[in-house]
N, C-alpha and C. Protein backbone atom coordinates (compact mmCIF):
# COMPACT_ATOMS: atom_id res chain seq x y z
N MET A 1 -11.39 -26.11 3.10
CA MET A 1 -12.33 -25.54 2.17
C MET A 1 -11.79 -25.76 0.75
N THR A 2 -12.62 -26.26 -0.12
CA THR A 2 -12.25 -26.51 -1.50
C THR A 2 -12.49 -25.26 -2.33
N ALA A 3 -11.49 -24.87 -3.08
CA ALA A 3 -11.59 -23.67 -3.91
C ALA A 3 -12.52 -23.92 -5.09
N THR A 4 -13.24 -22.87 -5.48
CA THR A 4 -14.12 -22.95 -6.65
C THR A 4 -13.54 -22.17 -7.82
N TRP A 5 -12.41 -21.51 -7.63
CA TRP A 5 -11.82 -20.66 -8.66
C TRP A 5 -11.32 -21.48 -9.83
N LYS A 6 -11.56 -20.96 -11.02
CA LYS A 6 -11.03 -21.56 -12.25
C LYS A 6 -10.48 -20.43 -13.10
N PRO A 7 -9.35 -20.65 -13.78
CA PRO A 7 -8.81 -19.58 -14.62
C PRO A 7 -9.78 -19.21 -15.73
N HIS A 8 -9.82 -17.94 -16.03
CA HIS A 8 -10.69 -17.44 -17.09
C HIS A 8 -9.82 -17.10 -18.28
N GLU A 9 -10.00 -17.79 -19.36
CA GLU A 9 -9.12 -17.66 -20.51
C GLU A 9 -9.64 -16.71 -21.58
N LYS A 10 -10.85 -16.24 -21.44
CA LYS A 10 -11.40 -15.34 -22.45
C LYS A 10 -10.68 -14.00 -22.40
N HIS A 11 -10.21 -13.55 -23.53
CA HIS A 11 -9.51 -12.27 -23.60
C HIS A 11 -10.30 -11.33 -24.50
N GLY A 12 -10.06 -10.07 -24.33
CA GLY A 12 -10.75 -9.08 -25.15
C GLY A 12 -11.32 -8.00 -24.26
N ASN A 13 -12.22 -7.23 -24.79
CA ASN A 13 -12.81 -6.13 -24.05
C ASN A 13 -13.98 -6.63 -23.21
N LEU A 14 -13.75 -6.74 -21.92
CA LEU A 14 -14.82 -7.10 -20.99
C LEU A 14 -15.27 -5.79 -20.35
N THR A 15 -16.47 -5.38 -20.62
CA THR A 15 -16.90 -4.07 -20.17
C THR A 15 -17.54 -4.09 -18.79
N THR A 16 -18.06 -5.22 -18.38
CA THR A 16 -18.72 -5.28 -17.08
C THR A 16 -18.35 -6.58 -16.37
N GLN A 17 -18.58 -6.57 -15.05
CA GLN A 17 -18.34 -7.79 -14.28
C GLN A 17 -19.29 -8.90 -14.70
N SER A 18 -20.44 -8.53 -15.24
CA SER A 18 -21.42 -9.56 -15.61
C SER A 18 -20.93 -10.43 -16.76
N ASP A 19 -19.89 -10.00 -17.46
CA ASP A 19 -19.31 -10.82 -18.52
C ASP A 19 -18.50 -11.99 -17.97
N LEU A 20 -18.16 -11.94 -16.70
CA LEU A 20 -17.31 -12.96 -16.08
C LEU A 20 -18.15 -14.03 -15.39
N PRO A 21 -17.70 -15.28 -15.42
CA PRO A 21 -18.42 -16.34 -14.69
C PRO A 21 -18.15 -16.23 -13.18
N ASP A 22 -19.03 -16.79 -12.38
CA ASP A 22 -18.87 -16.76 -10.92
C ASP A 22 -17.55 -17.40 -10.49
N SER A 23 -17.07 -18.35 -11.27
CA SER A 23 -15.88 -19.11 -10.86
C SER A 23 -14.59 -18.29 -10.86
N VAL A 24 -14.59 -17.06 -11.35
CA VAL A 24 -13.36 -16.26 -11.34
C VAL A 24 -13.31 -15.28 -10.18
N PHE A 25 -14.32 -15.26 -9.33
CA PHE A 25 -14.36 -14.33 -8.21
C PHE A 25 -13.89 -14.99 -6.92
N ALA A 26 -13.21 -14.21 -6.09
CA ALA A 26 -12.80 -14.71 -4.78
C ALA A 26 -14.05 -15.00 -3.95
N PHE A 27 -15.01 -14.10 -3.98
CA PHE A 27 -16.29 -14.26 -3.28
C PHE A 27 -17.35 -14.54 -4.35
N PRO A 28 -17.52 -15.79 -4.77
CA PRO A 28 -18.41 -16.08 -5.90
C PRO A 28 -19.88 -15.75 -5.65
N LYS A 29 -20.38 -15.92 -4.43
CA LYS A 29 -21.79 -15.62 -4.15
C LYS A 29 -22.08 -14.14 -4.31
N ARG A 30 -21.12 -13.31 -3.91
CA ARG A 30 -21.28 -11.86 -3.98
C ARG A 30 -20.69 -11.27 -5.25
N ARG A 31 -19.95 -12.10 -6.03
CA ARG A 31 -19.27 -11.65 -7.25
C ARG A 31 -18.35 -10.46 -6.94
N LYS A 32 -17.56 -10.65 -5.89
CA LYS A 32 -16.61 -9.62 -5.47
C LYS A 32 -15.20 -10.13 -5.67
N GLU A 33 -14.31 -9.22 -5.99
CA GLU A 33 -12.88 -9.48 -6.17
C GLU A 33 -12.60 -10.49 -7.28
N PRO A 34 -12.66 -10.03 -8.54
CA PRO A 34 -12.33 -10.93 -9.65
C PRO A 34 -10.85 -11.30 -9.62
N LEU A 35 -10.56 -12.53 -9.98
CA LEU A 35 -9.18 -13.05 -9.96
C LEU A 35 -8.81 -13.46 -11.38
N THR A 36 -8.70 -12.48 -12.26
CA THR A 36 -8.47 -12.77 -13.67
C THR A 36 -7.02 -12.66 -14.10
N ASP A 37 -6.17 -12.08 -13.25
CA ASP A 37 -4.74 -12.00 -13.55
C ASP A 37 -3.99 -11.71 -12.25
N ALA A 38 -2.66 -11.65 -12.32
CA ALA A 38 -1.84 -11.46 -11.12
C ALA A 38 -2.16 -10.14 -10.42
N SER A 39 -2.40 -9.11 -11.18
CA SER A 39 -2.72 -7.80 -10.60
C SER A 39 -4.01 -7.86 -9.79
N HIS A 40 -5.02 -8.53 -10.33
CA HIS A 40 -6.28 -8.66 -9.60
C HIS A 40 -6.13 -9.53 -8.35
N VAL A 41 -5.27 -10.52 -8.41
CA VAL A 41 -5.03 -11.36 -7.22
C VAL A 41 -4.41 -10.52 -6.12
N ARG A 42 -3.39 -9.72 -6.47
CA ARG A 42 -2.76 -8.85 -5.46
C ARG A 42 -3.77 -7.86 -4.90
N ASN A 43 -4.64 -7.34 -5.75
CA ASN A 43 -5.67 -6.40 -5.31
C ASN A 43 -6.66 -7.09 -4.37
N ALA A 44 -7.05 -8.32 -4.67
CA ALA A 44 -7.98 -9.06 -3.81
C ALA A 44 -7.37 -9.32 -2.44
N ILE A 45 -6.06 -9.58 -2.41
CA ILE A 45 -5.38 -9.79 -1.13
C ILE A 45 -5.41 -8.50 -0.32
N ALA A 46 -5.10 -7.39 -0.98
CA ALA A 46 -5.05 -6.11 -0.29
C ALA A 46 -6.42 -5.66 0.21
N ARG A 47 -7.47 -5.99 -0.52
CA ARG A 47 -8.81 -5.51 -0.18
C ARG A 47 -9.69 -6.57 0.49
N PHE A 48 -9.10 -7.68 0.87
CA PHE A 48 -9.86 -8.79 1.44
C PHE A 48 -10.74 -8.35 2.60
N ASP A 49 -10.21 -7.54 3.48
CA ASP A 49 -10.97 -7.14 4.67
C ASP A 49 -11.98 -6.04 4.40
N GLN A 50 -12.02 -5.50 3.19
CA GLN A 50 -12.97 -4.44 2.87
C GLN A 50 -14.30 -4.97 2.36
N VAL A 51 -14.38 -6.26 2.10
CA VAL A 51 -15.64 -6.86 1.65
C VAL A 51 -16.52 -7.03 2.89
N LYS A 52 -17.68 -6.40 2.85
CA LYS A 52 -18.59 -6.37 4.01
C LYS A 52 -19.70 -7.40 3.87
N ASP A 53 -20.28 -7.74 5.01
CA ASP A 53 -21.46 -8.61 5.07
C ASP A 53 -21.25 -9.98 4.44
N VAL A 54 -20.13 -10.60 4.77
CA VAL A 54 -19.90 -11.98 4.33
C VAL A 54 -19.60 -12.83 5.56
N SER A 55 -19.96 -14.09 5.49
CA SER A 55 -19.77 -15.00 6.61
C SER A 55 -18.33 -15.49 6.67
N ASP A 56 -17.99 -16.13 7.77
CA ASP A 56 -16.66 -16.72 7.90
C ASP A 56 -16.45 -17.82 6.85
N ALA A 57 -17.50 -18.55 6.54
CA ALA A 57 -17.40 -19.60 5.51
C ALA A 57 -17.11 -18.97 4.14
N ASP A 58 -17.75 -17.83 3.87
CA ASP A 58 -17.48 -17.13 2.61
C ASP A 58 -16.03 -16.65 2.55
N ARG A 59 -15.52 -16.17 3.68
CA ARG A 59 -14.13 -15.70 3.73
C ARG A 59 -13.17 -16.88 3.55
N ALA A 60 -13.50 -18.02 4.14
CA ALA A 60 -12.64 -19.19 3.99
C ALA A 60 -12.60 -19.63 2.52
N LEU A 61 -13.76 -19.63 1.86
CA LEU A 61 -13.82 -19.97 0.44
C LEU A 61 -13.04 -18.95 -0.39
N ALA A 62 -13.21 -17.68 -0.08
CA ALA A 62 -12.50 -16.64 -0.82
C ALA A 62 -10.99 -16.80 -0.66
N PHE A 63 -10.54 -17.12 0.54
CA PHE A 63 -9.11 -17.30 0.75
C PHE A 63 -8.60 -18.51 -0.05
N ALA A 64 -9.37 -19.59 -0.06
CA ALA A 64 -8.98 -20.76 -0.85
C ALA A 64 -8.90 -20.40 -2.34
N ASN A 65 -9.86 -19.60 -2.81
CA ASN A 65 -9.85 -19.16 -4.21
C ASN A 65 -8.64 -18.28 -4.50
N ILE A 66 -8.33 -17.37 -3.58
CA ILE A 66 -7.17 -16.49 -3.75
C ILE A 66 -5.88 -17.30 -3.78
N LYS A 67 -5.77 -18.28 -2.87
CA LYS A 67 -4.57 -19.13 -2.85
C LYS A 67 -4.39 -19.86 -4.18
N LYS A 68 -5.47 -20.41 -4.69
CA LYS A 68 -5.40 -21.16 -5.95
C LYS A 68 -5.03 -20.23 -7.12
N ALA A 69 -5.64 -19.05 -7.17
CA ALA A 69 -5.33 -18.10 -8.24
C ALA A 69 -3.90 -17.57 -8.09
N ALA A 70 -3.46 -17.33 -6.86
CA ALA A 70 -2.10 -16.84 -6.63
C ALA A 70 -1.09 -17.86 -7.14
N LYS A 71 -1.33 -19.12 -6.87
CA LYS A 71 -0.43 -20.17 -7.35
C LYS A 71 -0.43 -20.20 -8.88
N HIS A 72 -1.60 -20.09 -9.48
CA HIS A 72 -1.72 -20.14 -10.94
C HIS A 72 -0.98 -18.97 -11.61
N TYR A 73 -1.09 -17.77 -11.03
CA TYR A 73 -0.49 -16.58 -11.64
C TYR A 73 0.91 -16.26 -11.09
N GLY A 74 1.42 -17.09 -10.17
CA GLY A 74 2.76 -16.88 -9.64
C GLY A 74 2.87 -15.73 -8.66
N VAL A 75 1.79 -15.47 -7.92
CA VAL A 75 1.80 -14.41 -6.91
C VAL A 75 2.17 -15.04 -5.57
N ARG A 76 3.15 -14.48 -4.91
CA ARG A 76 3.60 -15.01 -3.63
C ARG A 76 2.61 -14.60 -2.54
N LEU A 77 2.09 -15.59 -1.83
CA LEU A 77 1.13 -15.36 -0.75
C LEU A 77 1.74 -15.88 0.54
N THR A 78 2.03 -14.99 1.48
CA THR A 78 2.68 -15.41 2.73
C THR A 78 1.68 -15.75 3.82
N GLU A 79 0.44 -15.29 3.70
CA GLU A 79 -0.57 -15.56 4.71
C GLU A 79 -0.98 -17.02 4.67
N LYS A 80 -1.20 -17.59 5.83
CA LYS A 80 -1.56 -19.01 5.94
C LYS A 80 -3.07 -19.22 6.11
N SER A 81 -3.78 -18.18 6.51
CA SER A 81 -5.20 -18.28 6.79
C SER A 81 -5.88 -16.97 6.41
N TRP A 82 -7.18 -17.00 6.21
CA TRP A 82 -7.90 -15.77 5.90
C TRP A 82 -7.87 -14.82 7.07
N HIS A 83 -7.67 -15.34 8.28
CA HIS A 83 -7.61 -14.49 9.46
C HIS A 83 -6.41 -13.54 9.38
N ASP A 84 -5.36 -13.96 8.67
CA ASP A 84 -4.17 -13.12 8.52
C ASP A 84 -4.43 -11.91 7.61
N LEU A 85 -5.49 -11.94 6.83
CA LEU A 85 -5.81 -10.85 5.91
C LEU A 85 -6.80 -9.86 6.48
N VAL A 86 -7.45 -10.21 7.58
CA VAL A 86 -8.49 -9.36 8.15
C VAL A 86 -7.90 -8.47 9.22
N ARG A 87 -8.17 -7.17 9.06
CA ARG A 87 -7.71 -6.20 10.05
C ARG A 87 -8.93 -5.49 10.62
N GLY A 88 -8.80 -4.91 11.78
CA GLY A 88 -9.88 -4.11 12.34
C GLY A 88 -11.00 -4.94 12.93
N ALA A 89 -12.22 -4.43 12.84
CA ALA A 89 -13.36 -5.02 13.54
C ALA A 89 -13.96 -6.23 12.86
N GLN A 90 -13.55 -6.57 11.64
CA GLN A 90 -14.20 -7.69 10.95
C GLN A 90 -13.53 -9.02 11.19
N GLY A 91 -13.05 -9.27 12.37
CA GLY A 91 -12.49 -10.58 12.65
C GLY A 91 -11.09 -10.50 13.23
N GLY A 92 -10.36 -9.47 12.89
CA GLY A 92 -9.04 -9.29 13.47
C GLY A 92 -9.18 -8.66 14.84
N SER A 93 -8.09 -8.31 15.42
CA SER A 93 -8.12 -7.68 16.72
C SER A 93 -8.75 -6.30 16.62
N SER A 94 -9.80 -6.06 17.38
CA SER A 94 -10.44 -4.76 17.34
C SER A 94 -9.91 -3.86 18.46
N ALA A 95 -9.01 -4.38 19.26
CA ALA A 95 -8.42 -3.58 20.33
C ALA A 95 -7.53 -2.50 19.72
N PRO A 96 -7.55 -1.31 20.30
CA PRO A 96 -6.69 -0.27 19.76
C PRO A 96 -5.23 -0.64 19.93
N LYS A 97 -4.42 -0.22 18.98
CA LYS A 97 -3.00 -0.53 19.06
C LYS A 97 -2.38 0.27 20.20
N LYS A 98 -1.46 -0.38 20.90
CA LYS A 98 -0.76 0.30 21.97
C LYS A 98 0.23 1.27 21.36
N ARG A 99 0.29 2.44 21.93
CA ARG A 99 1.27 3.41 21.45
C ARG A 99 2.62 3.08 22.06
N SER A 100 3.65 3.43 21.35
CA SER A 100 4.98 3.16 21.88
C SER A 100 5.23 4.00 23.11
N ALA A 101 6.19 3.58 23.91
CA ALA A 101 6.50 4.29 25.15
C ALA A 101 6.90 5.73 24.88
N ALA A 102 7.59 5.97 23.78
CA ALA A 102 8.04 7.33 23.46
C ALA A 102 6.86 8.26 23.22
N LYS A 103 5.79 7.77 22.64
CA LYS A 103 4.63 8.62 22.38
C LYS A 103 3.84 8.93 23.64
N ARG A 104 3.98 8.12 24.66
CA ARG A 104 3.24 8.36 25.90
C ARG A 104 3.95 9.34 26.82
N LEU A 105 5.20 9.64 26.53
CA LEU A 105 5.95 10.55 27.39
C LEU A 105 5.50 11.98 27.19
N PRO A 106 5.53 12.77 28.27
CA PRO A 106 5.21 14.19 28.11
C PRO A 106 6.30 14.88 27.28
N PRO A 107 5.95 15.96 26.59
CA PRO A 107 6.91 16.64 25.73
C PRO A 107 8.21 17.05 26.42
N ALA A 108 8.13 17.49 27.67
CA ALA A 108 9.34 17.91 28.38
C ALA A 108 10.29 16.72 28.57
N ARG A 109 9.73 15.56 28.85
CA ARG A 109 10.56 14.36 29.05
C ARG A 109 11.19 13.93 27.72
N LYS A 110 10.45 14.02 26.64
CA LYS A 110 11.00 13.69 25.33
C LYS A 110 12.18 14.59 25.00
N LYS A 111 12.02 15.88 25.30
CA LYS A 111 13.10 16.84 25.02
C LYS A 111 14.34 16.49 25.83
N ALA A 112 14.17 16.12 27.09
CA ALA A 112 15.30 15.75 27.94
C ALA A 112 16.01 14.51 27.39
N ILE A 113 15.25 13.56 26.90
CA ILE A 113 15.84 12.34 26.34
C ILE A 113 16.63 12.66 25.08
N ARG A 114 16.08 13.55 24.23
CA ARG A 114 16.80 13.93 23.01
C ARG A 114 18.09 14.66 23.33
N LYS A 115 18.07 15.55 24.34
CA LYS A 115 19.28 16.26 24.74
C LYS A 115 20.34 15.30 25.24
N LYS A 116 19.93 14.35 26.05
CA LYS A 116 20.86 13.37 26.59
C LYS A 116 21.50 12.54 25.46
N ALA A 117 20.68 12.15 24.50
CA ALA A 117 21.19 11.38 23.37
C ALA A 117 22.17 12.20 22.53
N ALA A 118 21.88 13.49 22.37
CA ALA A 118 22.76 14.36 21.60
C ALA A 118 24.11 14.53 22.31
N ARG A 119 24.07 14.70 23.64
CA ARG A 119 25.32 14.82 24.41
C ARG A 119 26.14 13.53 24.30
N LYS A 120 25.47 12.43 24.39
CA LYS A 120 26.15 11.14 24.31
C LYS A 120 26.80 10.94 22.94
N LYS A 121 26.09 11.41 21.90
CA LYS A 121 26.60 11.28 20.54
C LYS A 121 27.85 12.14 20.35
N ARG A 122 27.88 13.34 20.97
CA ARG A 122 29.04 14.23 20.84
C ARG A 122 30.28 13.69 21.54
N SER A 123 30.09 12.94 22.61
CA SER A 123 31.26 12.47 23.36
C SER A 123 31.83 11.17 22.87
């Protein structure tokens, strides 16, 4: 996917998103997640999965735009694909997370394990 993002050099008091061109948004069709500086790039990464009602193609374009803006502003991006940014039901695993074995134990068993560990620590 080819990125459409271009740096926005206009400085000053921008009071609304409508002052910005489409080319500075991660999701240009929806005008969501402006990428005007490093702080906004980090915010777009963090909120990527919160943008609703967008197609996979839109997400791929947004990720390409975020990658390009991150490189421009010197933001380290460890994710390799937009799928790495999506959590929950919007493309990531919607299966509930497995609880650790310790959380599945009954309280009496947990107490016994803690006592045993404490005795072991004393000796």
